[in-house]
Protein backbone atom coordinates (compact mmCIF):
# COMPACT_ATOMS: atom_id res chain seq x y z
CA MET A 1 1.38 9.85 -35.26
CA LYS A 2 2.82 6.38 -35.73
CA LYS A 3 4.28 5.63 -39.12
CA PHE A 4 5.80 2.28 -40.04
CA ILE A 5 9.01 2.48 -42.07
CA TYR A 6 10.02 -0.78 -43.73
CA PRO A 7 13.15 -2.23 -42.06
CA LEU A 8 14.90 -2.64 -45.43
CA THR A 9 14.69 1.13 -45.98
CA THR A 10 16.07 1.74 -42.51
CA LEU A 11 18.91 -0.69 -43.12
CA LEU A 12 19.91 0.94 -46.42
CA PHE A 13 19.85 4.37 -44.75
CA CYS A 14 22.13 3.14 -41.97
CA ILE A 15 24.63 1.68 -44.46
CA ALA A 16 24.70 4.90 -46.48
CA CYS A 17 25.41 6.91 -43.33
CA GLY A 18 28.13 4.55 -42.15
CA GLU A 19 26.29 3.27 -39.09
CA ASN A 20 27.97 0.63 -36.93
CA THR A 21 27.15 -3.07 -36.73
CA GLU A 22 25.06 -2.65 -33.56
CA THR A 23 22.61 -0.33 -35.34
CA THR A 24 22.36 -2.69 -38.32
CA GLU A 25 21.56 -5.59 -36.03
CA THR A 26 18.84 -3.49 -34.41
CA ALA A 27 17.23 -2.92 -37.81
CA GLN A 28 17.37 -6.64 -38.52
CA ASN A 29 15.73 -7.36 -35.15
CA ILE A 30 12.92 -4.94 -36.04
CA GLU A 31 12.39 -6.85 -39.28
CA GLU A 32 12.19 -10.14 -37.40
CA GLU A 33 9.45 -8.71 -35.15
CA ILE A 34 7.16 -8.32 -38.17
CA ASN A 35 5.60 -11.78 -38.24
CA GLN A 36 4.37 -13.16 -41.55
CA PHE A 37 1.83 -15.93 -41.26
CA THR A 38 -0.92 -17.69 -43.16
CA VAL A 39 -4.60 -18.15 -42.39
CA LEU A 40 -6.01 -21.29 -43.99
CA VAL A 41 -9.57 -22.21 -44.90
CA THR A 42 -10.17 -25.48 -43.05
CA ASP A 43 -13.90 -26.00 -43.58
CA SER A 44 -17.11 -24.31 -44.70
CA ILE A 45 -20.81 -24.21 -43.83
CA GLY A 46 -23.29 -23.99 -46.68
CA ILE A 47 -24.48 -26.02 -49.64
CA GLU A 48 -26.14 -25.08 -52.89
CA LEU A 49 -28.96 -27.64 -52.73
CA GLY A 50 -30.18 -30.07 -50.09
CA ASP A 51 -30.86 -29.75 -46.35
CA SER A 52 -32.48 -26.33 -45.87
CA ALA A 53 -30.58 -25.81 -42.60
CA TYR A 54 -27.41 -25.46 -44.69
CA VAL A 55 -28.77 -23.55 -47.71
CA PHE A 56 -28.30 -19.79 -47.33
CA GLY A 57 -30.21 -17.23 -49.35
CA ALA A 58 -28.12 -14.14 -48.50
CA ILE A 59 -25.81 -13.96 -45.49
CA ALA A 60 -26.51 -10.57 -43.93
CA ASP A 61 -24.19 -10.98 -40.93
CA ALA A 62 -22.43 -13.58 -38.80
CA GLU A 63 -20.86 -13.75 -35.34
CA ILE A 64 -18.94 -16.19 -33.15
CA LEU A 65 -20.61 -16.74 -29.78
CA GLU A 66 -18.75 -16.98 -26.47
CA ASN A 67 -18.95 -20.79 -26.49
CA GLY A 68 -17.51 -20.96 -30.02
CA ASN A 69 -20.80 -21.60 -31.80
CA ILE A 70 -21.30 -19.77 -35.08
CA MET A 71 -24.38 -17.55 -35.56
CA VAL A 72 -25.52 -16.65 -39.09
CA LEU A 73 -28.21 -14.13 -40.04
CA ASP A 74 -29.92 -14.94 -43.35
CA GLY A 75 -31.48 -11.90 -45.00
CA THR A 76 -33.47 -13.93 -47.50
CA TYR A 77 -34.98 -16.54 -45.19
CA CYS A 78 -35.22 -14.02 -42.29
CA ASN A 79 -33.78 -16.30 -39.65
CA ILE A 80 -30.79 -16.82 -37.38
CA ARG A 81 -29.03 -20.17 -37.62
CA ILE A 82 -26.66 -21.45 -34.98
CA PHE A 83 -23.97 -23.99 -35.80
CA SER A 84 -21.35 -25.75 -33.72
CA PRO A 85 -17.67 -24.78 -34.22
CA GLU A 86 -17.45 -27.84 -36.49
CA GLY A 87 -20.36 -26.64 -38.62
CA GLU A 88 -23.19 -28.85 -37.35
CA HIS A 89 -26.60 -27.16 -37.35
CA ILE A 90 -27.93 -26.71 -33.80
CA ARG A 91 -31.10 -24.63 -34.22
CA THR A 92 -32.86 -21.98 -36.29
CA ILE A 93 -34.35 -18.89 -34.66
CA SER A 94 -37.24 -16.80 -36.11
CA ASN A 95 -38.67 -16.71 -39.62
CA ARG A 96 -40.20 -14.34 -42.15
CA GLY A 97 -43.38 -12.63 -40.93
CA SER A 98 -44.93 -9.65 -39.19
CA GLY A 99 -45.73 -11.25 -35.86
CA PRO A 100 -43.86 -10.91 -32.54
CA GLY A 101 -40.25 -11.97 -32.98
CA GLU A 102 -40.60 -12.47 -36.73
CA LEU A 103 -38.39 -10.66 -39.24
CA MET A 104 -38.95 -8.86 -42.54
CA VAL A 105 -35.61 -7.44 -43.74
CA PRO A 106 -32.96 -8.24 -41.10
CA LEU A 107 -29.78 -6.21 -41.50
CA ASN A 108 -27.32 -6.99 -38.70
CA LEU A 109 -26.61 -9.13 -35.66
CA LEU A 110 -25.74 -7.98 -32.14
CA ASN A 111 -23.83 -10.46 -30.02
CA TRP A 112 -24.86 -9.22 -26.56
CA GLY A 113 -23.16 -12.04 -24.67
CA ASN A 114 -24.67 -14.05 -21.80
CA ASP A 115 -26.55 -16.21 -24.33
CA GLU A 116 -28.48 -13.24 -25.75
CA VAL A 117 -28.34 -11.89 -29.30
CA GLY A 118 -29.97 -9.07 -31.20
CA VAL A 119 -31.17 -8.42 -34.73
CA ILE A 120 -31.67 -5.01 -36.31
CA ASP A 121 -34.70 -5.00 -38.61
CA PRO A 122 -36.39 -1.59 -39.13
CA TRP A 123 -39.12 -3.22 -41.22
CA SER A 124 -40.25 -5.31 -38.23
CA GLY A 125 -39.89 -2.68 -35.52
CA GLY A 126 -36.23 -2.17 -34.69
CA VAL A 127 -33.72 -3.95 -32.45
CA HIS A 128 -34.99 -7.41 -31.46
CA ARG A 129 -33.48 -9.45 -28.62
CA PHE A 130 -33.46 -13.26 -28.51
CA THR A 131 -31.90 -15.91 -26.33
CA THR A 132 -29.61 -18.34 -28.13
CA ASP A 133 -32.22 -21.00 -27.26
CA GLY A 134 -34.65 -19.19 -29.54
CA GLU A 135 -36.87 -17.24 -27.13
CA TRP A 136 -37.90 -13.75 -28.30
CA LEU A 137 -37.41 -11.24 -25.45
CA GLY A 138 -38.97 -8.25 -27.22
CA LEU A 139 -37.75 -5.02 -28.78
CA ASP A 140 -34.83 -3.25 -27.14
CA LEU A 141 -35.31 -0.15 -29.27
CA GLU A 142 -37.88 0.93 -31.84
CA VAL A 143 -36.23 1.86 -35.14
CA THR A 144 -38.30 2.17 -38.30
CA SER A 145 -36.12 4.49 -40.38
CA ASN A 146 -32.53 5.78 -40.57
CA SER A 147 -31.27 2.56 -39.06
CA PHE A 148 -27.87 1.71 -37.60
CA ILE A 149 -25.40 0.07 -39.98
CA GLY A 150 -22.74 -2.44 -38.98
CA PRO A 151 -23.23 -2.40 -35.17
CA LEU A 152 -20.37 -3.73 -33.03
CA VAL A 153 -21.22 -4.62 -29.42
CA VAL A 154 -19.17 -3.18 -26.55
CA SER A 155 -21.50 -4.14 -23.65
CA ASP A 156 -24.83 -5.89 -23.09
CA SER A 157 -26.69 -2.70 -24.04
CA SER A 158 -24.36 -0.51 -26.11
CA PHE A 159 -22.66 -0.69 -29.49
CA VAL A 160 -20.64 1.30 -32.00
CA ALA A 161 -22.30 1.79 -35.38
CA PHE A 162 -22.48 3.91 -38.51
CA LYS A 163 -25.48 6.23 -38.81
CA SER A 164 -26.62 9.42 -40.52
CA LYS A 165 -28.58 12.53 -39.64
CA PHE A 166 -30.12 15.26 -41.78
CA TYR A 167 -30.31 19.02 -41.36
CA HIS A 168 -32.73 21.29 -43.25
CA GLU A 169 -31.03 24.55 -44.21
CA ASP A 170 -31.93 27.49 -46.44
CA ASP A 171 -29.95 26.13 -49.39
CA GLY A 172 -31.14 22.52 -49.06
CA ILE A 173 -30.55 19.45 -46.92
CA THR A 174 -27.21 18.46 -45.43
CA ALA A 175 -26.59 14.82 -44.54
CA THR A 176 -24.00 13.98 -41.93
CA ALA A 177 -22.69 10.43 -41.74
CA PHE A 178 -20.93 9.43 -38.54
CA VAL A 179 -19.57 6.59 -36.43
CA GLY A 180 -20.78 6.77 -32.84
CA LEU A 181 -21.38 4.94 -29.57
CA PHE A 182 -25.05 4.18 -28.88
CA HIS A 183 -26.64 3.01 -25.64
CA LEU A 184 -29.95 1.59 -26.93
CA SER A 185 -30.79 5.03 -28.23
CA PRO A 186 -31.03 6.56 -31.72
CA GLU A 187 -28.77 9.39 -30.53
CA PRO A 188 -25.04 8.79 -29.94
CA GLU A 189 -23.34 9.20 -26.59
CA VAL A 190 -19.98 9.70 -28.32
CA THR A 191 -19.18 10.60 -31.94
CA TYR A 192 -15.81 9.38 -33.22
CA TRP A 193 -15.88 10.41 -36.88
CA GLU A 194 -18.30 12.33 -39.09
CA LYS A 195 -18.60 13.73 -42.59
CA ALA A 196 -21.18 16.20 -43.92
CA LEU A 197 -22.38 16.29 -47.54
CA PRO A 198 -25.24 17.93 -49.45
CA TRP A 199 -28.21 15.53 -49.71
CA ASP A 200 -29.38 14.88 -53.25
CA PRO A 201 -31.77 11.93 -53.79
CA SER A 202 -31.01 12.04 -57.52
CA ASP A 203 -27.41 11.09 -56.65
CA MET A 204 -28.17 8.51 -53.96
CA ALA A 205 -25.60 5.95 -55.11
CA ASN A 206 -22.65 8.32 -55.16
CA PHE A 207 -23.66 9.64 -51.75
CA ALA A 208 -23.66 6.07 -50.43
CA LEU A 209 -20.34 5.44 -52.14
CA GLU A 210 -18.88 8.51 -50.45
CA VAL A 211 -19.95 7.71 -46.89
CA ILE A 212 -21.12 4.08 -46.53
CA PHE A 213 -18.82 2.16 -48.86
CA SER A 214 -15.75 4.34 -48.24
CA ASN A 215 -15.53 4.08 -44.48
CA TYR A 216 -14.41 1.12 -42.39
CA TYR A 217 -14.40 0.90 -38.61
CA THR A 218 -14.15 -1.51 -35.70
CA VAL A 219 -14.00 -1.43 -31.89
CA ASN A 220 -12.07 -3.35 -29.27
CA PRO A 221 -14.86 -4.47 -26.90
CA GLU A 222 -12.42 -4.92 -24.02
CA THR A 223 -11.00 -1.37 -24.08
CA GLY A 224 -13.63 0.53 -26.07
CA ARG A 225 -10.98 1.84 -28.47
CA VAL A 226 -12.44 2.62 -31.90
CA TYR A 227 -10.58 2.51 -35.23
CA VAL A 228 -11.86 4.30 -38.33
CA SER A 229 -10.39 4.23 -41.83
CA PRO A 230 -12.24 6.81 -43.97
CA PHE A 231 -11.37 7.18 -47.64
CA HIS A 232 -9.36 10.37 -48.00
CA GLY A 233 -7.55 9.82 -51.29
CA ASP A 234 -5.08 7.19 -52.38
CA GLY A 235 -3.32 6.89 -49.03
CA TYR A 236 -3.21 4.54 -46.04
CA LEU A 237 -4.86 6.02 -42.95
CA ILE A 238 -6.44 4.53 -39.82
CA GLN A 239 -7.58 6.90 -37.08
CA SER A 240 -7.83 5.53 -33.54
CA PHE A 241 -9.96 6.91 -30.70
CA GLU A 242 -10.28 6.15 -27.02
CA ALA A 243 -13.73 5.18 -25.76
CA ASP A 244 -14.48 8.80 -24.77
CA GLY A 245 -13.78 10.03 -28.31
CA SER A 246 -10.32 11.49 -27.67
CA SER A 247 -7.63 10.75 -30.23
CA ALA A 248 -5.39 7.72 -29.71
CA GLY A 249 -3.19 8.56 -32.71
CA GLU A 250 -3.11 7.61 -36.38
CA ILE A 251 -1.74 4.67 -38.32
CA THR A 252 -0.20 5.49 -41.68
CA GLN A 253 1.97 3.56 -44.08
CA ASP A 254 3.55 4.10 -47.48
CA TYR A 255 1.12 2.88 -50.12
CA THR A 256 1.07 2.72 -53.92
CA PRO A 257 -2.51 2.90 -55.31
CA ILE A 258 -3.71 -0.17 -57.20
CA PRO A 259 -6.10 0.59 -60.12
CA LYS A 260 -9.34 -1.36 -60.46
CA THR A 261 -10.04 -3.30 -63.63
CA ASP A 262 -13.07 -2.45 -65.77
CA GLU A 263 -14.65 -5.71 -64.58
CA GLU A 264 -14.11 -4.77 -60.92
CA ILE A 265 -15.67 -1.34 -61.45
CA GLN A 266 -18.72 -2.81 -63.21
CA SER A 267 -19.14 -5.42 -60.48
CA GLU A 268 -18.99 -2.68 -57.84
CA ILE A 269 -21.65 -0.65 -59.66
CA GLU A 270 -23.96 -3.68 -59.80
CA PHE A 271 -23.41 -4.56 -56.14
CA ILE A 272 -24.09 -1.04 -54.84
CA GLU A 273 -27.18 -0.72 -57.04
CA PHE A 274 -28.49 -4.03 -55.70
CA PHE A 275 -27.67 -3.07 -52.09
CA LEU A 276 -29.45 0.29 -52.28
CA LYS A 277 -32.51 -0.97 -54.15
CA ALA A 278 -32.98 -3.73 -51.59
CA GLY A 279 -32.57 -1.32 -48.68
CA GLU A 280 -34.76 1.47 -50.08
CA GLY A 281 -37.45 -0.64 -51.70
CA ASP A 282 -36.39 0.42 -55.21
CA ASN A 283 -37.71 3.94 -54.56
CA PRO A 284 -38.20 5.61 -57.99
CA MET A 285 -37.08 9.03 -56.66
CA TYR A 286 -33.55 7.73 -56.08
CA ASN A 287 -30.78 7.34 -58.64
CA TYR A 288 -28.92 4.12 -57.86
CA ILE A 289 -26.15 4.42 -60.46
CA CYS A 290 -22.72 5.34 -59.07
CA ASP A 291 -19.29 6.23 -60.35
CA PRO A 292 -16.83 4.15 -58.25
CA TRP A 293 -13.34 5.30 -57.30
CA PRO A 294 -10.80 4.24 -59.97
CA ASN A 295 -8.32 2.79 -57.44
CA HIS A 296 -8.69 0.22 -54.69
CA PHE A 297 -8.77 1.53 -51.14
CA ALA A 298 -5.59 1.01 -49.16
CA VAL A 299 -7.76 -0.34 -46.31
CA LYS A 300 -11.07 -2.09 -47.03
CA GLY A 301 -11.90 -3.69 -43.70
CA LEU A 302 -11.00 -3.45 -39.99
CA PHE A 303 -11.37 -6.22 -37.42
CA ILE A 304 -10.28 -6.92 -33.83
CA ALA A 305 -8.75 -10.34 -33.16
CA GLY A 306 -9.11 -12.30 -29.95
CA ASP A 307 -5.77 -10.98 -28.66
CA GLY A 308 -6.87 -7.36 -29.14
CA ASN A 309 -4.72 -6.67 -32.20
CA LEU A 310 -6.19 -4.73 -35.12
CA TRP A 311 -6.39 -6.54 -38.47
CA ALA A 312 -6.56 -4.14 -41.45
CA MET A 313 -7.52 -5.80 -44.73
CA ARG A 314 -5.70 -4.36 -47.73
CA GLY A 315 -7.45 -3.47 -50.95
CA GLY A 316 -6.50 -4.66 -54.41
CA MET A 317 -4.49 -7.72 -53.36
CA PRO A 318 -4.93 -11.01 -55.31
CA ALA A 319 -5.56 -12.91 -52.05
CA VAL A 320 -7.09 -11.53 -48.87
CA THR A 321 -4.20 -9.92 -46.95
CA PHE A 322 -4.08 -8.18 -43.58
CA ASP A 323 -1.73 -5.82 -41.76
CA VAL A 324 -1.75 -6.60 -38.03
CA TRP A 325 -1.31 -3.64 -35.64
CA ASN A 326 -0.99 -3.65 -31.85
CA GLU A 327 -2.54 -1.13 -29.43
CA ALA A 328 0.59 1.05 -29.65
CA ASN A 329 -0.27 1.46 -33.38
CA ASP A 330 2.85 -0.50 -34.38
CA LEU A 331 2.85 -3.03 -37.21
CA VAL A 332 3.52 -6.46 -35.71
CA GLY A 333 2.63 -8.79 -38.56
CA THR A 334 1.05 -9.52 -41.91
CA ALA A 335 -1.38 -12.33 -42.67
CA THR A 336 -2.50 -13.84 -45.96
CA VAL A 337 -5.57 -16.00 -46.61
CA PRO A 338 -4.66 -17.85 -49.83
CA GLY A 339 -7.98 -19.70 -49.92
CA LEU A 340 -9.98 -16.48 -50.36
CA ASN A 341 -9.46 -14.75 -53.68
CA GLN A 342 -10.31 -11.05 -53.79
CA ASN A 343 -11.53 -10.87 -57.42
CA ASN A 344 -14.89 -9.11 -57.26
CA SER A 345 -15.81 -10.45 -53.83
CA SER A 346 -16.48 -8.26 -50.82
CA TRP A 347 -15.24 -10.28 -47.85
CA LYS A 348 -16.48 -9.95 -44.29
CA PHE A 349 -14.91 -11.50 -41.18
CA ALA A 350 -15.83 -12.25 -37.59
CA PHE A 351 -13.19 -13.05 -34.98
CA GLY A 352 -13.71 -15.13 -31.86
CA GLU A 353 -11.30 -15.91 -29.06
CA ASN A 354 -9.55 -18.62 -31.08
CA GLN A 355 -11.59 -18.69 -34.28
CA ILE A 356 -12.15 -16.74 -37.48
CA ILE A 357 -15.03 -17.04 -39.92
CA SER A 358 -15.56 -15.31 -43.25
CA TRP A 359 -18.19 -14.87 -45.95
CA SER A 360 -18.59 -12.93 -49.18
CA GLU A 361 -21.37 -10.42 -49.73
CA ASN A 362 -21.29 -11.12 -53.46
CA PRO A 363 -19.89 -14.64 -54.00
CA ASP A 364 -19.13 -16.12 -57.38
CA ASP A 365 -21.21 -19.19 -56.51
CA PHE A 366 -23.53 -19.94 -53.57
CA GLN A 367 -23.36 -18.43 -50.10
CA LYS A 368 -21.29 -20.14 -47.43
CA ILE A 369 -19.43 -19.48 -44.19
CA TYR A 370 -15.71 -20.27 -44.28
CA ILE A 371 -13.99 -21.50 -41.12
CA LEU A 372 -10.39 -20.30 -40.86
CA GLU A 373 -7.34 -21.34 -38.87
CA ILE A 374 -4.16 -19.33 -38.21
CA GLN A 375 -1.02 -21.27 -39.07
C-alpha cells in the first residue's frame, strides 16, 4: 500500500528526533518533487441562443479525438457534433429518430480510434458505430436494457464500464454493481470491483446513490491498468488493478471530511431525481427521492492524462482541484482549475494527448464545453 505523508510532517519528525542536515535536505527535495500547477480555461464551445451548431441541449458525453478534434454527444438533440481544437464546428452526425443510425436517448460515447466512434443508446438498439465522417456502420452490440455506464475504450473493440446484474434468491433480489472489462459483450471478461446490495425498487434513488454516484473509475488505455475509488466512508482511497484484475496496490492519503451545505444536498437530490427519471422513463414503481451523504467524497472523479498519470479530483473544494499520481502510486503534483467553481456543479473531463476539455452535468447557466490549458 502506498501512502503519501506530507513532507512538512516528515521534516518536523526528523527535527524532533535530531536527524542530521542530509536527512532534512532529503525531505525538502521530496517536497520540491510535488509540483503545484494551474489549469486555465482558455476558451469555450457553446452559446445560449443563435447558431444551432453551437447550442447544446444536454451534454451527455465528450471526447478528444486522435487528431485533436473535439466530439460532443448531445442527449437532447440526439446527435454527435465534431469541432476543431479551436472550437469551430466541422460536422454533425445523426439525429433524433428510430431509423438506422438514428438515436433516441444516447448515453455515452466510445472513441474507438482510427476515425471510428461509438454511441451507446439502449432505446435505439445498443452500441452504434460511426465513422467521424458521419457514416453509420451498424450496431456493434445489441443492448436494450441494463446498459453499460461510463464506458472507457481500451482497444478498437473493448472497454471498461460500470454495469449491474441481478440474482433472484429465496429472500428477494440481490443487485450487484461492478466495474468490468467488456469485449463487445454484455458479460465481462474481467471484473475489477463489485458491490452487492438488496434490490428494492421503492428505494431506487438510494440504491443508485450507493453504487452509481459513489463510485469513480478510469483506465489507462496504454497499459490497461484500472483505478477505482468506491465510497467507503469519509476516507481517501483509490484501488488500482492490472489489466488482468490483479491488485496493483492502493492509494491513500490523510483526509479531513468536508460537510455539504444544505443547498448542496438539495441540489444533489434534484439532480439524482432528474437523472433517474430520465433514464427510467419516470417509472411510477420507483422511488426517486434519495438521502445524500452528509460529507463530500474525498475523490469525486478519476481521469488519465496524456502522459499516463492519474488525476484524482477532490470533493468539496471551492475550485476544481486534482491530486496527480504516477503509475508507482506516488503523488507527483496537484493542479487547480480556478476558472471552474465547484458550487453545485458536477464536472466531467476528457483528456487528450495535449488537451483537456470539461463540462458540467448541471450547469448554473447554459451548457458549454470548456477548453483548458496546463500552465
